[in-house]
Amino acid sequence: MKATCPFDPKHKKFVTVAHVAQDWVVDEHGEFIEVDAYFGGGETTHKPDPGNTWTCWECGSEAIVEE
């Protein structure tokens, strides 16, 4: 997979979606208390997908993404 900025191919940073699961500290009813930093805070469950919208971080153009 490769993302390219249509405005300037020298732009190499993009914003897109990744899904992350967080470790929470909860009470006995499952109510949120805080994010548990002790265990590392969580894990990535889905990395960025080529079907997502990718936006050039430097100029805001919608990127072209090739699989």
Protein backbone atom coordinates (compact mmCIF):
# COMPACT_ATOMS: atom_id res chain seq x y z
CA MET A 1 0.00 0.00 0.00
CA LYS A 2 1.23 3.50 -0.80
CA ALA A 3 -0.34 6.93 -0.30
CA THR A 4 0.61 9.85 -2.53
CA CYS A 5 -0.29 13.52 -2.20
CA PRO A 6 -1.77 14.73 -5.52
CA PHE A 7 -0.60 18.29 -4.78
CA ASP A 8 3.05 17.51 -3.96
CA PRO A 9 4.62 14.02 -4.11
CA LYS A 10 7.28 15.19 -1.60
CA HIS A 11 4.59 15.23 1.12
CA LYS A 12 5.01 11.94 3.01
CA LYS A 13 2.73 12.25 6.09
CA PHE A 14 -0.99 11.43 6.05
CA VAL A 15 -3.92 11.34 8.46
CA THR A 16 -6.24 8.31 8.39
CA VAL A 17 -8.10 6.03 10.80
CA ALA A 18 -6.74 3.16 12.89
CA HIS A 19 -8.83 1.37 15.52
CA VAL A 20 -7.33 1.05 18.99
CA ALA A 21 -8.64 -0.88 21.99
CA GLN A 22 -7.89 0.81 25.34
CA ASP A 23 -7.38 -0.88 28.69
CA TRP A 24 -9.71 0.74 31.22
CA VAL A 25 -9.85 0.65 34.99
CA VAL A 26 -13.53 0.16 35.89
CA ASP A 27 -15.57 -0.24 39.06
CA GLU A 28 -17.57 -3.36 39.98
CA HIS A 29 -20.40 -2.22 37.66
CA GLY A 30 -18.12 -1.75 34.64
CA GLU A 31 -18.23 2.05 34.91
CA PHE A 32 -15.13 3.87 33.61
CA ILE A 33 -12.67 5.22 36.19
CA GLU A 34 -9.51 5.89 34.13
CA VAL A 35 -7.30 4.61 31.31
CA ASP A 36 -4.85 2.02 32.60
CA ALA A 37 -1.38 3.23 31.64
CA TYR A 38 0.26 0.46 33.72
CA PHE A 39 -0.57 -2.23 31.15
CA GLY A 40 0.46 -0.12 28.17
CA GLY A 41 -2.86 1.53 27.43
CA GLY A 42 -4.17 -0.91 24.81
CA GLU A 43 -3.50 -2.33 21.40
CA THR A 44 -4.19 -1.60 17.74
CA THR A 45 -7.05 -3.80 16.55
CA HIS A 46 -7.15 -2.60 12.91
CA LYS A 47 -4.33 -0.81 11.11
CA PRO A 48 -5.06 1.88 8.49
CA ASP A 49 -6.97 0.52 5.51
CA PRO A 50 -6.54 1.64 1.88
CA GLY A 51 -10.34 2.08 1.69
CA ASN A 52 -10.26 4.78 4.38
CA THR A 53 -9.98 8.45 3.54
CA TRP A 54 -6.33 9.50 3.71
CA THR A 55 -5.57 13.23 4.01
CA CYS A 56 -2.20 14.83 3.42
CA TRP A 57 -1.00 16.08 6.81
CA GLU A 58 0.98 18.89 5.18
CA CYS A 59 -1.55 20.46 2.77
CA GLY A 60 -4.94 18.84 3.46
CA SER A 61 -5.40 17.27 0.02
CA GLU A 62 -7.14 13.90 -0.21
CA ALA A 63 -4.44 11.36 -0.96
CA ILE A 64 -4.36 8.75 -3.68
CA VAL A 65 -3.93 5.32 -2.08
CA GLU A 66 -2.71 2.32 -4.06
CA GLU A 67 -2.88 -1.21 -2.70
